[in-house]
């Protein structure tokens, strides 16, 4: 039995399909995120039905974007990844998650090659390592993402994420989309949350009158967020999309979604069930600007 997740909205062209002799009967409209059970395939179309409406089946063109998935029994995820553009509230939501349930959620401690300041402790603000050792981690593909600032290296290691997972807590990450490639596997099974900006007038109200002076800044936040939603491939594969109109409500939506995972079956990428080894391709090593 084969299943797939729809990654793009699809609207059936009824007039075209009535004239198309390849189709015994009409196809149906699909929305991004729909799960289909594939019944049969040919070189042009596949016949399928929605898992939440097994009484209706239809034909879908082969060129629509899909991802093979499999059903997983109720199970909590190991990491949460918040993605989105600057200014949409990712870091605020991350902080709120950590403060709301510190026994359940944790954040990684980054690594750096710079010397510690007098008030800093190894393993608290940073793991302070020799530059040669950090470079070796990068070469060994053990860094999720990294950057250079004032000739010193900063970054997040795979092992730091792994240690939180082993502790029984959920690792909360605010990272670049390129870094997701290192974590999108059966070991970490990430729950991806897209955080997006509301409309400009709502964003102005959220930021208060003092931010009206920075109208161009707020406009840029909205424009960049809209561009990200339209262009990022990871948005299509995300588990939850938040229009961050209210931080408290956004936090509740995340917590509610995570709680549902413990009581409802879920659809995950098929390869997560077919592989148990962690593999980090070279293209997932992401250089960022601090």
C-alpha atoms as a PDB file:
ATOM      1  CA  UNK A   1       0.000   0.000   0.000  1.00  0.00           C
ATOM      2  CA  UNK A   2       1.483   3.337  -1.083  1.00  0.00           C
ATOM      3  CA  UNK A   3       0.726   6.793   0.328  1.00  0.00           C
ATOM      4  CA  UNK A   4       1.936  10.311  -0.472  1.00  0.00           C
ATOM      5  CA  UNK A   5       1.607  13.855   0.842  1.00  0.00           C
ATOM      6  CA  UNK A   6       0.599  16.627  -1.587  1.00  0.00           C
ATOM      7  CA  UNK A   7       3.112  19.501  -1.559  1.00  0.00           C
ATOM      8  CA  UNK A   8       1.229  21.909  -3.855  1.00  0.00           C
ATOM      9  CA  UNK A   9      -2.411  22.909  -4.218  1.00  0.00           C
ATOM     10  CA  UNK A  10      -4.026  21.342  -7.281  1.00  0.00           C
ATOM     11  CA  UNK A  11      -7.297  22.440  -8.882  1.00  0.00           C
ATOM     12  CA  UNK A  12      -8.892  20.041 -11.330  1.00  0.00           C
ATOM     13  CA  UNK A  13      -9.531  21.407 -14.813  1.00  0.00           C
ATOM     14  CA  UNK A  14     -12.954  19.883 -15.434  1.00  0.00           C
ATOM     15  CA  UNK A  15     -13.421  21.114 -19.011  1.00  0.00           C
ATOM     16  CA  UNK A  16     -10.006  19.777 -20.034  1.00  0.00           C
ATOM     17  CA  UNK A  17     -10.527  16.457 -18.326  1.00  0.00           C
ATOM     18  CA  UNK A  18     -13.910  15.850 -19.966  1.00  0.00           C
ATOM     19  CA  UNK A  19     -12.130  15.980 -23.321  1.00  0.00           C
ATOM     20  CA  UNK A  20      -9.098  13.986 -22.197  1.00  0.00           C
ATOM     21  CA  UNK A  21      -9.465  10.368 -23.314  1.00  0.00           C
ATOM     22  CA  UNK A  22      -6.702   9.280 -20.912  1.00  0.00           C
ATOM     23  CA  UNK A  23      -9.039   9.842 -17.959  1.00  0.00           C
ATOM     24  CA  UNK A  24     -11.846   7.319 -17.419  1.00  0.00           C
ATOM     25  CA  UNK A  25     -13.378   9.837 -14.975  1.00  0.00           C
ATOM     26  CA  UNK A  26     -12.556  13.195 -13.473  1.00  0.00           C
ATOM     27  CA  UNK A  27      -9.869  14.065 -10.978  1.00  0.00           C
ATOM     28  CA  UNK A  28     -10.458  16.142  -7.849  1.00  0.00           C
ATOM     29  CA  UNK A  29      -9.133  19.253  -6.150  1.00  0.00           C
ATOM     30  CA  UNK A  30      -6.266  18.841  -3.706  1.00  0.00           C
ATOM     31  CA  UNK A  31      -4.741  21.029  -1.032  1.00  0.00           C
ATOM     32  CA  UNK A  32      -1.169  21.079   0.188  1.00  0.00           C
ATOM     33  CA  UNK A  33      -0.874  18.595   3.035  1.00  0.00           C
ATOM     34  CA  UNK A  34      -3.555  16.173   1.783  1.00  0.00           C
ATOM     35  CA  UNK A  35      -2.621  12.502   2.183  1.00  0.00           C
ATOM     36  CA  UNK A  36      -3.474  10.215  -0.741  1.00  0.00           C
ATOM     37  CA  UNK A  37      -3.567   6.453  -1.001  1.00  0.00           C
ATOM     38  CA  UNK A  38      -2.240   5.540  -4.454  1.00  0.00           C
ATOM     39  CA  UNK A  39      -4.319   2.855  -6.140  1.00  0.00           C
ATOM     40  CA  UNK A  40      -2.623   2.608  -9.549  1.00  0.00           C
ATOM     41  CA  UNK A  41      -0.220   4.483 -11.831  1.00  0.00           C
ATOM     42  CA  UNK A  42       0.520   5.020 -15.500  1.00  0.00           C
ATOM     43  CA  UNK A  43       2.941   7.295 -17.336  1.00  0.00           C
ATOM     44  CA  UNK A  44       0.609  10.313 -17.170  1.00  0.00           C
ATOM     45  CA  UNK A  45      -1.547  10.009 -14.074  1.00  0.00           C
ATOM     46  CA  UNK A  46      -1.951   8.088 -10.864  1.00  0.00           C
ATOM     47  CA  UNK A  47      -5.282   7.025  -9.438  1.00  0.00           C
ATOM     48  CA  UNK A  48      -5.700   7.834  -5.761  1.00  0.00           C
ATOM     49  CA  UNK A  49      -8.131   8.591  -2.987  1.00  0.00           C
ATOM     50  CA  UNK A  50      -7.890  10.842   0.050  1.00  0.00           C
ATOM     51  CA  UNK A  51      -7.330   8.938   3.283  1.00  0.00           C
ATOM     52  CA  UNK A  52     -10.002  11.016   5.040  1.00  0.00           C
ATOM     53  CA  UNK A  53     -12.525  10.395   2.236  1.00  0.00           C
ATOM     54  CA  UNK A  54     -12.039   6.848   1.003  1.00  0.00           C
ATOM     55  CA  UNK A  55     -15.363   6.875  -0.853  1.00  0.00           C
ATOM     56  CA  UNK A  56     -14.023   9.284  -3.488  1.00  0.00           C
ATOM     57  CA  UNK A  57     -11.178   8.515  -5.858  1.00  0.00           C
ATOM     58  CA  UNK A  58      -9.794  10.269  -8.910  1.00  0.00           C
ATOM     59  CA  UNK A  59      -6.828  10.828 -11.188  1.00  0.00           C
ATOM     60  CA  UNK A  60      -3.949  13.179 -10.430  1.00  0.00           C
ATOM     61  CA  UNK A  61      -1.231  14.169 -12.936  1.00  0.00           C
ATOM     62  CA  UNK A  62       2.198  12.687 -12.275  1.00  0.00           C
ATOM     63  CA  UNK A  63       3.896  16.094 -12.382  1.00  0.00           C
ATOM     64  CA  UNK A  64       2.272  17.343  -9.181  1.00  0.00           C
ATOM     65  CA  UNK A  65       4.748  17.582  -6.287  1.00  0.00           C
ATOM     66  CA  UNK A  66       4.373  14.783  -3.735  1.00  0.00           C
ATOM     67  CA  UNK A  67       6.419  13.086  -1.036  1.00  0.00           C
ATOM     68  CA  UNK A  68       6.081   9.387  -0.106  1.00  0.00           C
ATOM     69  CA  UNK A  69       4.838   9.009   3.476  1.00  0.00           C
ATOM     70  CA  UNK A  70       4.014   6.264   5.937  1.00  0.00           C
ATOM     71  CA  UNK A  71       1.728   6.103   8.946  1.00  0.00           C
ATOM     72  CA  UNK A  72       3.303   6.248  12.398  1.00  0.00           C
ATOM     73  CA  UNK A  73       1.517   5.350  15.602  1.00  0.00           C
ATOM     74  CA  UNK A  74       1.120   8.175  18.147  1.00  0.00           C
ATOM     75  CA  UNK A  75       4.603   9.352  19.044  1.00  0.00           C
ATOM     76  CA  UNK A  76       6.163  12.617  20.191  1.00  0.00           C
ATOM     77  CA  UNK A  77       8.768  14.286  18.003  1.00  0.00           C
ATOM     78  CA  UNK A  78      12.400  14.684  19.076  1.00  0.00           C
ATOM     79  CA  UNK A  79      13.120  18.183  17.838  1.00  0.00           C
ATOM     80  CA  UNK A  80      11.131  21.286  16.908  1.00  0.00           C
ATOM     81  CA  UNK A  81      12.505  23.551  14.199  1.00  0.00           C
ATOM     82  CA  UNK A  82      11.141  27.090  13.925  1.00  0.00           C
ATOM     83  CA  UNK A  83      11.751  28.607  10.501  1.00  0.00           C
ATOM     84  CA  UNK A  84      10.876  31.940   8.960  1.00  0.00           C
ATOM     85  CA  UNK A  85      12.435  35.281   8.117  1.00  0.00           C
ATOM     86  CA  UNK A  86      13.862  37.822  10.557  1.00  0.00           C
ATOM     87  CA  UNK A  87      11.368  39.791  12.606  1.00  0.00           C
ATOM     88  CA  UNK A  88       8.451  37.327  12.557  1.00  0.00           C
ATOM     89  CA  UNK A  89       8.915  36.206  16.176  1.00  0.00           C
ATOM     90  CA  UNK A  90      10.772  32.878  15.963  1.00  0.00           C
ATOM     91  CA  UNK A  91      13.162  33.650  18.803  1.00  0.00           C
ATOM     92  CA  UNK A  92      10.375  34.970  21.016  1.00  0.00           C
ATOM     93  CA  UNK A  93       8.344  31.783  20.513  1.00  0.00           C
ATOM     94  CA  UNK A  94      11.431  29.681  21.180  1.00  0.00           C
ATOM     95  CA  UNK A  95      12.038  31.535  24.459  1.00  0.00           C
ATOM     96  CA  UNK A  96       8.375  31.146  25.433  1.00  0.00           C
ATOM     97  CA  UNK A  97       8.511  27.386  24.802  1.00  0.00           C
ATOM     98  CA  UNK A  98      11.611  27.012  26.958  1.00  0.00           C
ATOM     99  CA  UNK A  99      10.092  29.095  29.760  1.00  0.00           C
ATOM    100  CA  UNK A 100       6.677  27.403  29.615  1.00  0.00           C
ATOM    101  CA  UNK A 101       7.983  23.846  30.003  1.00  0.00           C
ATOM    102  CA  UNK A 102      11.705  23.755  30.857  1.00  0.00           C
ATOM    103  CA  UNK A 103      11.405  20.095  31.865  1.00  0.00           C
ATOM    104  CA  UNK A 104      10.125  19.195  28.388  1.00  0.00           C
ATOM    105  CA  UNK A 105      12.023  21.559  26.057  1.00  0.00           C
ATOM    106  CA  UNK A 106      15.692  22.516  25.835  1.00  0.00           C
ATOM    107  CA  UNK A 107      17.931  24.554  23.552  1.00  0.00           C
ATOM    108  CA  UNK A 108      21.407  23.673  22.333  1.00  0.00           C
ATOM    109  CA  UNK A 109      24.545  25.381  23.595  1.00  0.00           C
ATOM    110  CA  UNK A 110      26.548  26.578  20.571  1.00  0.00           C
ATOM    111  CA  UNK A 111      30.261  26.042  20.064  1.00  0.00           C
ATOM    112  CA  UNK A 112      32.791  28.796  19.415  1.00  0.00           C
ATOM    113  CA  UNK A 113      36.504  29.157  18.841  1.00  0.00           C
ATOM    114  CA  UNK A 114      36.808  32.490  20.671  1.00  0.00           C
ATOM    115  CA  UNK A 115      38.158  32.779  24.190  1.00  0.00           C
ATOM    116  CA  UNK A 116      35.627  32.933  27.043  1.00  0.00           C
ATOM    117  CA  UNK A 117      34.862  36.228  28.738  1.00  0.00           C
ATOM    118  CA  UNK A 118      35.418  36.457  32.522  1.00  0.00           C
ATOM    119  CA  UNK A 119      31.705  35.957  33.303  1.00  0.00           C
ATOM    120  CA  UNK A 120      31.234  33.039  30.887  1.00  0.00           C
ATOM    121  CA  UNK A 121      31.419  29.339  31.701  1.00  0.00           C
ATOM    122  CA  UNK A 122      32.256  26.456  29.391  1.00  0.00           C
ATOM    123  CA  UNK A 123      29.038  24.653  28.498  1.00  0.00           C
ATOM    124  CA  UNK A 124      26.721  27.439  29.662  1.00  0.00           C
ATOM    125  CA  UNK A 125      26.908  30.289  27.127  1.00  0.00           C
ATOM    126  CA  UNK A 126      29.139  28.370  24.708  1.00  0.00           C
ATOM    127  CA  UNK A 127      31.353  25.361  24.414  1.00  0.00           C
ATOM    128  CA  UNK A 128      34.753  26.988  23.991  1.00  0.00           C
ATOM    129  CA  UNK A 129      36.969  24.931  21.691  1.00  0.00           C
ATOM    130  CA  UNK A 130      40.168  25.429  19.744  1.00  0.00           C
ATOM    131  CA  UNK A 131      39.662  26.792  16.250  1.00  0.00           C
ATOM    132  CA  UNK A 132      41.364  23.725  14.788  1.00  0.00           C
ATOM    133  CA  UNK A 133      38.865  21.477  16.580  1.00  0.00           C
ATOM    134  CA  UNK A 134      35.867  23.452  15.287  1.00  0.00           C
ATOM    135  CA  UNK A 135      37.268  23.310  11.762  1.00  0.00           C
ATOM    136  CA  UNK A 136      37.624  19.552  12.130  1.00  0.00           C
ATOM    137  CA  UNK A 137      33.957  19.288  13.142  1.00  0.00           C
ATOM    138  CA  UNK A 138      33.036  21.218   9.997  1.00  0.00           C
ATOM    139  CA  UNK A 139      35.174  18.972   7.811  1.00  0.00           C
ATOM    140  CA  UNK A 140      33.620  15.888   9.430  1.00  0.00           C
ATOM    141  CA  UNK A 141      30.119  17.240   8.703  1.00  0.00           C
ATOM    142  CA  UNK A 142      29.280  17.361  12.392  1.00  0.00           C
ATOM    143  CA  UNK A 143      28.056  20.957  12.326  1.00  0.00           C
ATOM    144  CA  UNK A 144      24.432  21.712  11.522  1.00  0.00           C
ATOM    145  CA  UNK A 145      25.356  25.277  10.620  1.00  0.00           C
ATOM    146  CA  UNK A 146      28.280  27.548  11.279  1.00  0.00           C
ATOM    147  CA  UNK A 147      29.502  31.081  10.713  1.00  0.00           C
ATOM    148  CA  UNK A 148      32.532  33.290  11.167  1.00  0.00           C
ATOM    149  CA  UNK A 149      32.613  36.598  13.046  1.00  0.00           C
ATOM    150  CA  UNK A 150      35.727  38.641  13.864  1.00  0.00           C
ATOM    151  CA  UNK A 151      37.861  35.744  12.628  1.00  0.00           C
ATOM    152  CA  UNK A 152      36.253  33.348  15.128  1.00  0.00           C
ATOM    153  CA  UNK A 153      33.933  30.426  14.413  1.00  0.00           C
ATOM    154  CA  UNK A 154      30.452  29.931  15.871  1.00  0.00           C
ATOM    155  CA  UNK A 155      28.005  27.131  15.229  1.00  0.00           C
ATOM    156  CA  UNK A 156      25.759  24.275  16.326  1.00  0.00           C
ATOM    157  CA  UNK A 157      26.931  20.681  16.420  1.00  0.00           C
ATOM    158  CA  UNK A 158      24.917  17.577  15.632  1.00  0.00           C
ATOM    159  CA  UNK A 159      26.091  16.075  18.915  1.00  0.00           C
ATOM    160  CA  UNK A 160      24.606  18.940  20.955  1.00  0.00           C
ATOM    161  CA  UNK A 161      21.187  18.170  19.458  1.00  0.00           C
ATOM    162  CA  UNK A 162      21.699  14.460  20.040  1.00  0.00           C
ATOM    163  CA  UNK A 163      22.530  14.996  23.725  1.00  0.00           C
ATOM    164  CA  UNK A 164      19.248  16.824  24.352  1.00  0.00           C
ATOM    165  CA  UNK A 165      17.285  14.059  22.621  1.00  0.00           C
ATOM    166  CA  UNK A 166      19.062  11.454  24.765  1.00  0.00           C
ATOM    167  CA  UNK A 167      18.119  13.395  27.900  1.00  0.00           C
ATOM    168  CA  UNK A 168      14.452  12.812  27.085  1.00  0.00           C
ATOM    169  CA  UNK A 169      13.645  16.430  26.283  1.00  0.00           C
ATOM    170  CA  UNK A 170      12.597  17.989  22.980  1.00  0.00           C
ATOM    171  CA  UNK A 171      15.273  20.116  21.325  1.00  0.00           C
ATOM    172  CA  UNK A 172      13.991  23.511  20.117  1.00  0.00           C
ATOM    173  CA  UNK A 173      15.939  25.031  17.235  1.00  0.00           C
ATOM    174  CA  UNK A 174      15.770  28.342  15.413  1.00  0.00           C
ATOM    175  CA  UNK A 175      18.003  27.660  12.430  1.00  0.00           C
ATOM    176  CA  UNK A 176      18.354  28.289   8.716  1.00  0.00           C
ATOM    177  CA  UNK A 177      16.355  26.166   6.301  1.00  0.00           C
ATOM    178  CA  UNK A 178      19.545  24.735   4.792  1.00  0.00           C
ATOM    179  CA  UNK A 179      20.437  23.314   8.200  1.00  0.00           C
ATOM    180  CA  UNK A 180      17.230  21.249   8.234  1.00  0.00           C
ATOM    181  CA  UNK A 181      18.803  18.819   5.760  1.00  0.00           C
ATOM    182  CA  UNK A 182      21.126  17.592   8.518  1.00  0.00           C
ATOM    183  CA  UNK A 183      18.197  16.823  10.795  1.00  0.00           C
ATOM    184  CA  UNK A 184      15.446  15.639   8.450  1.00  0.00           C
ATOM    185  CA  UNK A 185      15.969  11.941   9.120  1.00  0.00           C
ATOM    186  CA  UNK A 186      14.803   9.029  11.232  1.00  0.00           C
ATOM    187  CA  UNK A 187      17.134   9.820  14.123  1.00  0.00           C
ATOM    188  CA  UNK A 188      15.732  13.279  14.831  1.00  0.00           C
ATOM    189  CA  UNK A 189      12.267  13.225  13.192  1.00  0.00           C
ATOM    190  CA  UNK A 190      11.797  17.009  13.326  1.00  0.00           C
ATOM    191  CA  UNK A 191       8.500  18.820  13.714  1.00  0.00           C
ATOM    192  CA  UNK A 192       8.818  21.864  11.458  1.00  0.00           C
ATOM    193  CA  UNK A 193       6.930  25.038  12.324  1.00  0.00           C
ATOM    194  CA  UNK A 194       6.789  27.923   9.845  1.00  0.00           C
ATOM    195  CA  UNK A 195       6.392  31.287  11.568  1.00  0.00           C
ATOM    196  CA  UNK A 196       5.077  34.027   9.278  1.00  0.00           C
ATOM    197  CA  UNK A 197       4.234  37.702   9.675  1.00  0.00           C
ATOM    198  CA  UNK A 198       0.611  38.920   9.577  1.00  0.00           C
ATOM    199  CA  UNK A 199      -0.591  41.685   7.276  1.00  0.00           C
ATOM    200  CA  UNK A 200       1.164  45.035   7.680  1.00  0.00           C
ATOM    201  CA  UNK A 201      -1.692  46.753   9.537  1.00  0.00           C
ATOM    202  CA  UNK A 202      -1.819  43.896  12.055  1.00  0.00           C
ATOM    203  CA  UNK A 203       1.956  43.967  12.469  1.00  0.00           C
ATOM    204  CA  UNK A 204       1.855  47.708  13.205  1.00  0.00           C
ATOM    205  CA  UNK A 205      -0.749  47.136  15.936  1.00  0.00           C
ATOM    206  CA  UNK A 206       1.301  44.310  17.437  1.00  0.00           C
ATOM    207  CA  UNK A 207       4.434  46.442  17.616  1.00  0.00           C
ATOM    208  CA  UNK A 208       2.755  49.514  19.089  1.00  0.00           C
ATOM    209  CA  UNK A 209       2.772  53.158  18.112  1.00  0.00           C
ATOM    210  CA  UNK A 210       6.496  53.552  18.710  1.00  0.00           C
ATOM    211  CA  UNK A 211       7.165  51.245  15.757  1.00  0.00           C
ATOM    212  CA  UNK A 212       5.150  53.333  13.303  1.00  0.00           C
ATOM    213  CA  UNK A 213       8.297  55.427  12.893  1.00  0.00           C
ATOM    214  CA  UNK A 214       9.940  52.270  11.553  1.00  0.00           C
ATOM    215  CA  UNK A 215       7.245  51.668   8.950  1.00  0.00           C
ATOM    216  CA  UNK A 216       9.732  50.713   6.248  1.00  0.00           C
ATOM    217  CA  UNK A 217      11.254  48.138   8.598  1.00  0.00           C
ATOM    218  CA  UNK A 218       7.840  46.566   9.240  1.00  0.00           C
ATOM    219  CA  UNK A 219       7.023  46.610   5.527  1.00  0.00           C
ATOM    220  CA  UNK A 220      10.258  44.758   4.849  1.00  0.00           C
ATOM    221  CA  UNK A 221       9.357  42.107   7.444  1.00  0.00           C
ATOM    222  CA  UNK A 222       6.018  41.472   5.706  1.00  0.00           C
ATOM    223  CA  UNK A 223       7.536  41.414   2.228  1.00  0.00           C
ATOM    224  CA  UNK A 224      10.353  39.043   3.181  1.00  0.00           C
ATOM    225  CA  UNK A 225       7.947  36.756   5.031  1.00  0.00           C
ATOM    226  CA  UNK A 226       5.596  36.574   2.037  1.00  0.00           C
ATOM    227  CA  UNK A 227       8.522  35.844  -0.272  1.00  0.00           C
ATOM    228  CA  UNK A 228       9.693  33.060   2.045  1.00  0.00           C
ATOM    229  CA  UNK A 229       6.230  31.467   2.105  1.00  0.00           C
ATOM    230  CA  UNK A 230       6.065  31.485  -1.684  1.00  0.00           C
ATOM    231  CA  UNK A 231       9.597  30.314  -2.446  1.00  0.00           C
ATOM    232  CA  UNK A 232      10.898  28.019   0.298  1.00  0.00           C
ATOM    233  CA  UNK A 233      10.534  24.300  -0.410  1.00  0.00           C
ATOM    234  CA  UNK A 234      10.535  23.580   3.321  1.00  0.00           C
ATOM    235  CA  UNK A 235       7.295  25.526   3.752  1.00  0.00           C
ATOM    236  CA  UNK A 236       5.592  22.860   1.641  1.00  0.00           C
ATOM    237  CA  UNK A 237       6.838  20.114   3.944  1.00  0.00           C
ATOM    238  CA  UNK A 238       6.223  21.893   7.249  1.00  0.00           C
ATOM    239  CA  UNK A 239       3.995  20.349   9.897  1.00  0.00           C
ATOM    240  CA  UNK A 240       2.485  23.622  11.122  1.00  0.00           C
ATOM    241  CA  UNK A 241       2.079  27.111   9.649  1.00  0.00           C
ATOM    242  CA  UNK A 242       1.645  29.980  12.109  1.00  0.00           C
ATOM    243  CA  UNK A 243       0.612  33.491  11.157  1.00  0.00           C
ATOM    244  CA  UNK A 244       2.035  35.103  14.279  1.00  0.00           C
ATOM    245  CA  UNK A 245      -0.725  37.590  15.112  1.00  0.00           C
ATOM    246  CA  UNK A 246      -0.647  36.832  18.824  1.00  0.00           C
ATOM    247  CA  UNK A 247       2.354  35.307  20.581  1.00  0.00           C
ATOM    248  CA  UNK A 248       0.334  33.595  23.313  1.00  0.00           C
ATOM    249  CA  UNK A 249      -2.038  32.012  20.799  1.00  0.00           C
ATOM    250  CA  UNK A 250       0.891  30.952  18.608  1.00  0.00           C
ATOM    251  CA  UNK A 251       2.526  29.275  21.598  1.00  0.00           C
ATOM    252  CA  UNK A 252      -0.726  27.474  22.406  1.00  0.00           C
ATOM    253  CA  UNK A 253      -1.056  26.238  18.829  1.00  0.00           C
ATOM    254  CA  UNK A 254       2.453  24.757  18.956  1.00  0.00           C
ATOM    255  CA  UNK A 255       1.838  23.054  22.301  1.00  0.00           C
ATOM    256  CA  UNK A 256      -1.552  21.719  21.162  1.00  0.00           C
ATOM    257  CA  UNK A 257      -0.059  20.363  17.922  1.00  0.00           C
ATOM    258  CA  UNK A 258       2.720  18.582  19.807  1.00  0.00           C
ATOM    259  CA  UNK A 259       0.232  17.110  22.260  1.00  0.00           C
ATOM    260  CA  UNK A 260      -1.862  15.705  19.400  1.00  0.00           C
ATOM    261  CA  UNK A 261       1.173  13.785  18.143  1.00  0.00           C
ATOM    262  CA  UNK A 262       1.035  11.703  21.316  1.00  0.00           C
ATOM    263  CA  UNK A 263      -2.567  10.643  20.763  1.00  0.00           C
ATOM    264  CA  UNK A 264      -3.120  10.569  16.991  1.00  0.00           C
ATOM    265  CA  UNK A 265      -1.490   8.677  14.154  1.00  0.00           C
ATOM    266  CA  UNK A 266       0.682  10.832  11.919  1.00  0.00           C
ATOM    267  CA  UNK A 267       2.104  10.752   8.417  1.00  0.00           C
ATOM    268  CA  UNK A 268       5.886  10.943   8.182  1.00  0.00           C
ATOM    269  CA  UNK A 269       8.342  10.666   5.254  1.00  0.00           C
ATOM    270  CA  UNK A 270       8.614   7.049   4.141  1.00  0.00           C
ATOM    271  CA  UNK A 271      12.412   7.118   4.287  1.00  0.00           C
ATOM    272  CA  UNK A 272      12.286   7.736   8.045  1.00  0.00           C
ATOM    273  CA  UNK A 273      10.931   4.221   8.474  1.00  0.00           C
ATOM    274  CA  UNK A 274      13.304   2.703   5.937  1.00  0.00           C
ATOM    275  CA  UNK A 275      16.530   4.007   7.466  1.00  0.00           C
ATOM    276  CA  UNK A 276      17.849   4.150  11.001  1.00  0.00           C
ATOM    277  CA  UNK A 277      21.281   5.621  10.273  1.00  0.00           C
ATOM    278  CA  UNK A 278      22.089   9.304  10.567  1.00  0.00           C
ATOM    279  CA  UNK A 279      23.405  10.662   7.290  1.00  0.00           C
ATOM    280  CA  UNK A 280      24.517  14.255   6.814  1.00  0.00           C
ATOM    281  CA  UNK A 281      25.122  15.186   3.164  1.00  0.00           C
ATOM    282  CA  UNK A 282      27.829  17.710   2.404  1.00  0.00           C
ATOM    283  CA  UNK A 283      25.352  20.259   1.011  1.00  0.00           C
ATOM    284  CA  UNK A 284      23.753  20.515   4.459  1.00  0.00           C
ATOM    285  CA  UNK A 285      26.839  22.218   5.844  1.00  0.00           C
ATOM    286  CA  UNK A 286      25.603  25.780   5.899  1.00  0.00           C
ATOM    287  CA  UNK A 287      27.775  28.859   6.247  1.00  0.00           C
ATOM    288  CA  UNK A 288      25.928  31.693   7.934  1.00  0.00           C
ATOM    289  CA  UNK A 289      26.715  35.255   8.900  1.00  0.00           C
ATOM    290  CA  UNK A 290      26.603  35.934  12.587  1.00  0.00           C
END
